[in-house]
PDB file of N, CA and C in Angstrom:
ATOM      1  N   UNK A   1      97.024  66.374 123.619  1.00  0.00           N
ATOM      2  CA  UNK A   1      98.011  66.599 122.585  1.00  0.00           C
ATOM      3  C   UNK A   1      97.403  67.341 121.384  1.00  0.00           C
ATOM      4  N   UNK A   2      96.193  66.952 120.990  1.00  0.00           N
ATOM      5  CA  UNK A   2      95.572  67.598 119.838  1.00  0.00           C
ATOM      6  C   UNK A   2      95.265  69.075 120.138  1.00  0.00           C
ATOM      7  N   UNK A   3      94.907  69.396 121.389  1.00  0.00           N
ATOM      8  CA  UNK A   3      94.663  70.799 121.745  1.00  0.00           C
ATOM      9  C   UNK A   3      95.960  71.597 121.652  1.00  0.00           C
ATOM     10  N   UNK A   4      97.043  71.011 122.021  1.00  0.00           N
ATOM     11  CA  UNK A   4      98.350  71.660 121.900  1.00  0.00           C
ATOM     12  C   UNK A   4      98.670  71.951 120.440  1.00  0.00           C
ATOM     13  N   UNK A   5      98.394  71.004 119.560  1.00  0.00           N
ATOM     14  CA  UNK A   5      98.622  71.202 118.124  1.00  0.00           C
ATOM     15  C   UNK A   5      97.709  72.293 117.562  1.00  0.00           C
ATOM     16  N   UNK A   6      96.445  72.306 117.984  1.00  0.00           N
ATOM     17  CA  UNK A   6      95.519  73.351 117.521  1.00  0.00           C
ATOM     18  C   UNK A   6      95.999  74.730 117.960  1.00  0.00           C
ATOM     19  N   UNK A   7      96.446  74.834 119.191  1.00  0.00           N
ATOM     20  CA  UNK A   7      96.941  76.121 119.679  1.00  0.00           C
ATOM     21  C   UNK A   7      98.217  76.536 118.938  1.00  0.00           C
ATOM     22  N   UNK A   8      99.076  75.583 118.647  1.00  0.00           N
ATOM     23  CA  UNK A   8     100.296  75.883 117.884  1.00  0.00           C
ATOM     24  C   UNK A   8      99.936  76.393 116.489  1.00  0.00           C
ATOM     25  N   UNK A   9      98.941  75.770 115.862  1.00  0.00           N
ATOM     26  CA  UNK A   9      98.500  76.199 114.534  1.00  0.00           C
ATOM     27  C   UNK A   9      97.895  77.602 114.598  1.00  0.00           C
ATOM     28  N   UNK A  10      97.058  77.858 115.590  1.00  0.00           N
ATOM     29  CA  UNK A  10      96.467  79.201 115.748  1.00  0.00           C
ATOM     30  C   UNK A  10      97.562  80.244 115.951  1.00  0.00           C
ATOM     31  N   UNK A  11      98.537  79.918 116.752  1.00  0.00           N
ATOM     32  CA  UNK A  11      99.648  80.841 117.001  1.00  0.00           C
ATOM     33  C   UNK A  11     100.423  81.110 115.711  1.00  0.00           C
ATOM     34  N   UNK A  12     100.689  80.057 114.961  1.00  0.00           N
ATOM     35  CA  UNK A  12     101.393  80.201 113.688  1.00  0.00           C
ATOM     36  C   UNK A  12     100.593  81.079 112.727  1.00  0.00           C
ATOM     37  N   UNK A  13      99.284  80.856 112.648  1.00  0.00           N
ATOM     38  CA  UNK A  13      98.436  81.644 111.755  1.00  0.00           C
ATOM     39  C   UNK A  13      98.428  83.109 112.158  1.00  0.00           C
ATOM     40  N   UNK A  14      98.362  83.391 113.459  1.00  0.00           N
ATOM     41  CA  UNK A  14      98.398  84.783 113.924  1.00  0.00           C
ATOM     42  C   UNK A  14      99.715  85.446 113.548  1.00  0.00           C
ATOM     43  N   UNK A  15     100.803  84.724 113.743  1.00  0.00           N
ATOM     44  CA  UNK A  15     102.118  85.284 113.404  1.00  0.00           C
ATOM     45  C   UNK A  15     102.239  85.559 111.916  1.00  0.00           C
ATOM     46  N   UNK A  16     101.753  84.656 111.080  1.00  0.00           N
ATOM     47  CA  UNK A  16     101.799  84.854 109.622  1.00  0.00           C
ATOM     48  C   UNK A  16     100.938  86.047 109.207  1.00  0.00           C
ATOM     49  N   UNK A  17      99.749  86.160 109.783  1.00  0.00           N
ATOM     50  CA  UNK A  17      98.869  87.277 109.466  1.00  0.00           C
ATOM     51  C   UNK A  17      99.524  88.598 109.857  1.00  0.00           C
ATOM     52  N   UNK A  18     100.137  88.628 111.034  1.00  0.00           N
ATOM     53  CA  UNK A  18     100.818  89.829 111.491  1.00  0.00           C
ATOM     54  C   UNK A  18     101.989  90.170 110.562  1.00  0.00           C
ATOM     55  N   UNK A  19     102.757  89.171 110.159  1.00  0.00           N
ATOM     56  CA  UNK A  19     103.901  89.403 109.275  1.00  0.00           C
ATOM     57  C   UNK A  19     103.448  89.956 107.928  1.00  0.00           C
ATOM     58  N   UNK A  20     102.351  89.421 107.384  1.00  0.00           N
ATOM     59  CA  UNK A  20     101.826  89.924 106.108  1.00  0.00           C
ATOM     60  C   UNK A  20     101.337  91.366 106.248  1.00  0.00           C
ATOM     61  N   UNK A  21     100.632  91.654 107.333  1.00  0.00           N
ATOM     62  CA  UNK A  21     100.135  93.012 107.560  1.00  0.00           C
ATOM     63  C   UNK A  21     101.300  93.988 107.711  1.00  0.00           C
ATOM     64  N   UNK A  22     102.310  93.581 108.440  1.00  0.00           N
ATOM     65  CA  UNK A  22     103.479  94.441 108.645  1.00  0.00           C
ATOM     66  C   UNK A  22     104.190  94.711 107.317  1.00  0.00           C
ATOM     67  N   UNK A  23     104.360  93.680 106.496  1.00  0.00           N
ATOM     68  CA  UNK A  23     105.007  93.850 105.194  1.00  0.00           C
ATOM     69  C   UNK A  23     104.213  94.825 104.328  1.00  0.00           C
ATOM     70  N   UNK A  24     102.895  94.708 104.357  1.00  0.00           N
ATOM     71  CA  UNK A  24     102.044  95.619 103.582  1.00  0.00           C
ATOM     72  C   UNK A  24     102.192  97.051 104.093  1.00  0.00           C
ATOM     73  N   UNK A  25     102.158  97.214 105.411  1.00  0.00           N
ATOM     74  CA  UNK A  25     102.279  98.562 105.988  1.00  0.00           C
ATOM     75  C   UNK A  25     103.641  99.173 105.681  1.00  0.00           C
ATOM     76  N   UNK A  26     104.697  98.366 105.702  1.00  0.00           N
ATOM     77  CA  UNK A  26     106.027  98.882 105.377  1.00  0.00           C
ATOM     78  C   UNK A  26     106.099  99.321 103.920  1.00  0.00           C
ATOM     79  N   UNK A  27     105.457  98.576 103.024  1.00  0.00           N
ATOM     80  CA  UNK A  27     105.437  98.955 101.609  1.00  0.00           C
ATOM     81  C   UNK A  27     104.695 100.277 101.420  1.00  0.00           C
ATOM     82  N   UNK A  28     103.572 100.425 102.089  1.00  0.00           N
ATOM     83  CA  UNK A  28     102.809 101.679 101.999  1.00  0.00           C
ATOM     84  C   UNK A  28     103.621 102.831 102.586  1.00  0.00           C
ATOM     85  N   UNK A  29     104.298 102.594 103.691  1.00  0.00           N
ATOM     86  CA  UNK A  29     105.133 103.627 104.307  1.00  0.00           C
ATOM     87  C   UNK A  29     106.229 104.059 103.344  1.00  0.00           C
ATOM     88  N   UNK A  30     106.840 103.110 102.662  1.00  0.00           N
ATOM     89  CA  UNK A  30     107.879 103.453 101.689  1.00  0.00           C
ATOM     90  C   UNK A  30     107.312 104.271 100.536  1.00  0.00           C
ATOM     91  N   UNK A  31     106.125 103.910 100.062  1.00  0.00           N
ATOM     92  CA  UNK A  31     105.500 104.626  98.942  1.00  0.00           C
ATOM     93  C   UNK A  31     105.132 106.051  99.319  1.00  0.00           C
ATOM     94  N   UNK A  32     104.644 106.233 100.545  1.00  0.00           N
ATOM     95  CA  UNK A  32     104.134 107.539 100.960  1.00  0.00           C
ATOM     96  C   UNK A  32     105.157 108.385 101.689  1.00  0.00           C
ATOM     97  N   UNK A  33     106.251 107.767 102.140  1.00  0.00           N
ATOM     98  CA  UNK A  33     107.256 108.512 102.896  1.00  0.00           C
ATOM     99  C   UNK A  33     106.837 108.778 104.327  1.00  0.00           C
ATOM    100  N   UNK A  34     105.872 108.044 104.816  1.00  0.00           N
ATOM    101  CA  UNK A  34     105.392 108.213 106.188  1.00  0.00           C
ATOM    102  C   UNK A  34     105.955 107.066 107.020  1.00  0.00           C
ATOM    103  N   UNK A  35     106.967 107.397 107.843  1.00  0.00           N
ATOM    104  CA  UNK A  35     107.639 106.372 108.634  1.00  0.00           C
ATOM    105  C   UNK A  35     107.563 106.634 110.131  1.00  0.00           C
ATOM    106  N   UNK A  36     107.421 107.892 110.515  1.00  0.00           N
ATOM    107  CA  UNK A  36     107.453 108.232 111.937  1.00  0.00           C
ATOM    108  C   UNK A  36     106.159 108.924 112.337  1.00  0.00           C
ATOM    109  N   UNK A  37     105.988 109.090 113.629  1.00  0.00           N
ATOM    110  CA  UNK A  37     104.821 109.811 114.138  1.00  0.00           C
ATOM    111  C   UNK A  37     104.826 111.256 113.634  1.00  0.00           C
ATOM    112  N   UNK A  38     106.013 111.840 113.536  1.00  0.00           N
ATOM    113  CA  UNK A  38     106.115 113.209 113.016  1.00  0.00           C
ATOM    114  C   UNK A  38     105.638 113.283 111.565  1.00  0.00           C
ATOM    115  N   UNK A  39     105.943 112.240 110.782  1.00  0.00           N
ATOM    116  CA  UNK A  39     105.465 112.197 109.402  1.00  0.00           C
ATOM    117  C   UNK A  39     103.942 112.145 109.357  1.00  0.00           C
ATOM    118  N   UNK A  40     103.346 111.392 110.245  1.00  0.00           N
ATOM    119  CA  UNK A  40     101.881 111.292 110.310  1.00  0.00           C
ATOM    120  C   UNK A  40     101.286 112.659 110.622  1.00  0.00           C
ATOM    121  N   UNK A  41     101.846 113.343 111.608  1.00  0.00           N
ATOM    122  CA  UNK A  41     101.355 114.669 111.977  1.00  0.00           C
ATOM    123  C   UNK A  41     101.494 115.631 110.795  1.00  0.00           C
ATOM    124  N   UNK A  42     102.620 115.569 110.090  1.00  0.00           N
ATOM    125  CA  UNK A  42     102.849 116.438 108.928  1.00  0.00           C
ATOM    126  C   UNK A  42     101.801 116.179 107.843  1.00  0.00           C
ATOM    127  N   UNK A  43     101.546 114.918 107.555  1.00  0.00           N
ATOM    128  CA  UNK A  43     100.576 114.571 106.508  1.00  0.00           C
ATOM    129  C   UNK A  43      99.177 115.029 106.906  1.00  0.00           C
ATOM    130  N   UNK A  44      98.817 114.858 108.161  1.00  0.00           N
ATOM    131  CA  UNK A  44      97.494 115.298 108.629  1.00  0.00           C
ATOM    132  C   UNK A  44      97.372 116.805 108.490  1.00  0.00           C
ATOM    133  N   UNK A  45      98.403 117.543 108.880  1.00  0.00           N
ATOM    134  CA  UNK A  45      98.357 119.016 108.753  1.00  0.00           C
ATOM    135  C   UNK A  45      98.243 119.449 107.297  1.00  0.00           C
ATOM    136  N   UNK A  46      98.999 118.805 106.415  1.00  0.00           N
ATOM    137  CA  UNK A  46      98.917 119.129 104.991  1.00  0.00           C
ATOM    138  C   UNK A  46      97.521 118.852 104.452  1.00  0.00           C
ATOM    139  N   UNK A  47      96.950 117.721 104.835  1.00  0.00           N
ATOM    140  CA  UNK A  47      95.616 117.346 104.389  1.00  0.00           C
ATOM    141  C   UNK A  47      94.589 118.370 104.849  1.00  0.00           C
ATOM    142  N   UNK A  48      94.663 118.749 106.129  1.00  0.00           N
ATOM    143  CA  UNK A  48      93.723 119.735 106.663  1.00  0.00           C
ATOM    144  C   UNK A  48      93.883 121.086 105.975  1.00  0.00           C
ATOM    145  N   UNK A  49      95.131 121.499 105.731  1.00  0.00           N
ATOM    146  CA  UNK A  49      95.384 122.776 105.063  1.00  0.00           C
ATOM    147  C   UNK A  49      94.789 122.762 103.659  1.00  0.00           C
ATOM    148  N   UNK A  50      95.002 121.670 102.936  1.00  0.00           N
ATOM    149  CA  UNK A  50      94.444 121.563 101.581  1.00  0.00           C
ATOM    150  C   UNK A  50      92.917 121.593 101.607  1.00  0.00           C
ATOM    151  N   UNK A  51      92.310 120.915 102.572  1.00  0.00           N
ATOM    152  CA  UNK A  51      90.849 120.919 102.681  1.00  0.00           C
ATOM    153  C   UNK A  51      90.327 122.300 103.025  1.00  0.00           C
ATOM    154  N   UNK A  52      91.015 123.013 103.903  1.00  0.00           N
ATOM    155  CA  UNK A  52      90.590 124.370 104.255  1.00  0.00           C
ATOM    156  C   UNK A  52      90.649 125.279 103.033  1.00  0.00           C
ATOM    157  N   UNK A  53      91.722 125.177 102.252  1.00  0.00           N
ATOM    158  CA  UNK A  53      91.846 126.003 101.047  1.00  0.00           C
ATOM    159  C   UNK A  53      90.762 125.654 100.035  1.00  0.00           C
ATOM    160  N   UNK A  54      90.483 124.370  99.864  1.00  0.00           N
ATOM    161  CA  UNK A  54      89.432 123.950  98.933  1.00  0.00           C
ATOM    162  C   UNK A  54      88.075 124.455  99.397  1.00  0.00           C
ATOM    163  N   UNK A  55      87.833 124.400 100.700  1.00  0.00           N
ATOM    164  CA  UNK A  55      86.564 124.892 101.257  1.00  0.00           C
ATOM    165  C   UNK A  55      86.446 126.399 101.040  1.00  0.00           C
ATOM    166  N   UNK A  56      87.514 127.136 101.246  1.00  0.00           N
ATOM    167  CA  UNK A  56      87.491 128.585 101.032  1.00  0.00           C
ATOM    168  C   UNK A  56      87.211 128.907  99.570  1.00  0.00           C
ATOM    169  N   UNK A  57      87.861 128.185  98.670  1.00  0.00           N
ATOM    170  CA  UNK A  57      87.650 128.402  97.241  1.00  0.00           C
ATOM    171  C   UNK A  57      86.209 128.084  96.857  1.00  0.00           C
ATOM    172  N   UNK A  58      85.676 126.988  97.386  1.00  0.00           N
ATOM    173  CA  UNK A  58      84.295 126.617  97.085  1.00  0.00           C
ATOM    174  C   UNK A  58      83.331 127.664  97.619  1.00  0.00           C
ATOM    175  N   UNK A  59      83.606 128.177  98.796  1.00  0.00           N
ATOM    176  CA  UNK A  59      82.752 129.196  99.396  1.00  0.00           C
ATOM    177  C   UNK A  59      82.778 130.471  98.553  1.00  0.00           C
ATOM    178  N   UNK A  60      83.980 130.853  98.107  1.00  0.00           N
ATOM    179  CA  UNK A  60      84.100 132.042  97.279  1.00  0.00           C
ATOM    180  C   UNK A  60      83.390 131.859  95.941  1.00  0.00           C
ATOM    181  N   UNK A  61      83.449 130.671  95.405  1.00  0.00           N
ATOM    182  CA  UNK A  61      82.807 130.387  94.121  1.00  0.00           C
ATOM    183  C   UNK A  61      81.285 130.452  94.281  1.00  0.00           C
ATOM    184  N   UNK A  62      80.769 129.913  95.413  1.00  0.00           N
ATOM    185  CA  UNK A  62      79.320 129.942  95.649  1.00  0.00           C
ATOM    186  C   UNK A  62      78.818 131.381  95.822  1.00  0.00           C
ATOM    187  N   UNK A  63      79.577 132.210  96.512  1.00  0.00           N
ATOM    188  CA  UNK A  63      79.130 133.573  96.791  1.00  0.00           C
ATOM    189  C   UNK A  63      79.508 134.547  95.707  1.00  0.00           C
ATOM    190  N   UNK A  64      80.361 134.101  94.763  1.00  0.00           N
ATOM    191  CA  UNK A  64      80.767 134.975  93.669  1.00  0.00           C
ATOM    192  C   UNK A  64      81.848 135.956  94.066  1.00  0.00           C
ATOM    193  N   UNK A  65      82.485 135.777  95.216  1.00  0.00           N
ATOM    194  CA  UNK A  65      83.563 136.667  95.647  1.00  0.00           C
ATOM    195  C   UNK A  65      84.893 135.975  95.486  1.00  0.00           C
ATOM    196  N   UNK A  66      85.886 136.787  95.239  1.00  0.00           N
ATOM    197  CA  UNK A  66      87.257 136.254  95.124  1.00  0.00           C
ATOM    198  C   UNK A  66      88.230 137.261  95.572  1.00  0.00           C
TER     199      UNK A  66
END
């Protein structure tokens, strides 16, 4: 009986942890506007594009060309 109670408690704790993580992820998704897989792909592309532009600018600044 005590093993059954321990397993029930572990199950409850896992469910609570998952619910808290999900609530946090939903809040972040709302803040960032990233809700779908397509949104993730869009954000990754934007990030890469910005990094490429920053790298090009840094390279031009180092070489003195613009």
